[in-house]
Amino acid sequence: MKPKAIVTAVLLLFVAAAVVVAVVRNTVRETPPGGTAAAGNDKQGATDKQGAEEKVPQPITDGVIAFYFHGDERCATCKTIEACAEKAVHEGFADELKDGRLQWLVVNYDRPQHGHYKKDYGVATPMVVLARRAGGRDVKSASLVEVWPLVIQGDTEGCVDYVRAGLKEFLQGPGT
């Protein structure tokens, strides 16, 4: 077996294991003790482990959104992926951010008010998702799955470049 094939197989196994862990963890958290929704978990009421209320801005209705989704548990790789994506957005597209054509959103998918993202974009593990919106509806979206192997291999600049390339494509034209 070639070294590249071995690395690819190991990375796929890692991602598969992360998906299984995330699904199991989310399944347990979605049903609180007693089987009913906990009070205070409406759209803006959730708090993080330190007690700070999480506020995520409303997604833009027209333009491109670069999402970074994470859960309550955050490993070093997940934090590195977020940092790479944030760098790609802020250093590569400052004008687009300023004029509102691009929005950067960091969202904790473990929060009840953000559960719809799991269905909307297939979020099960920390990930970068790009979405082009028109009239408040997604016209195109993509998960940037290659961020994982790039960061795991230590290629953070490659990760930044990969996210920038995806953003450039999304900002250039209409989706289908």
Foldseek 3Di string as FASTA:
>chain_A
DDPVVVLVVVLVVVVVVQLVVLVVVLVVLVQDPVRDDDPQLPQFRDAAPVRHTDDWDDDDQAAKEKEWEAANDADPLLVLLVVLLVCLCCVVPVVCCVVVNYHYTYYHCSRPNNVVCCVVPVDRHTWIKMFGHHRNDTQDMDTLVVSRSCVVVVNSVVSSVSSNVVNVVRRPDTHD
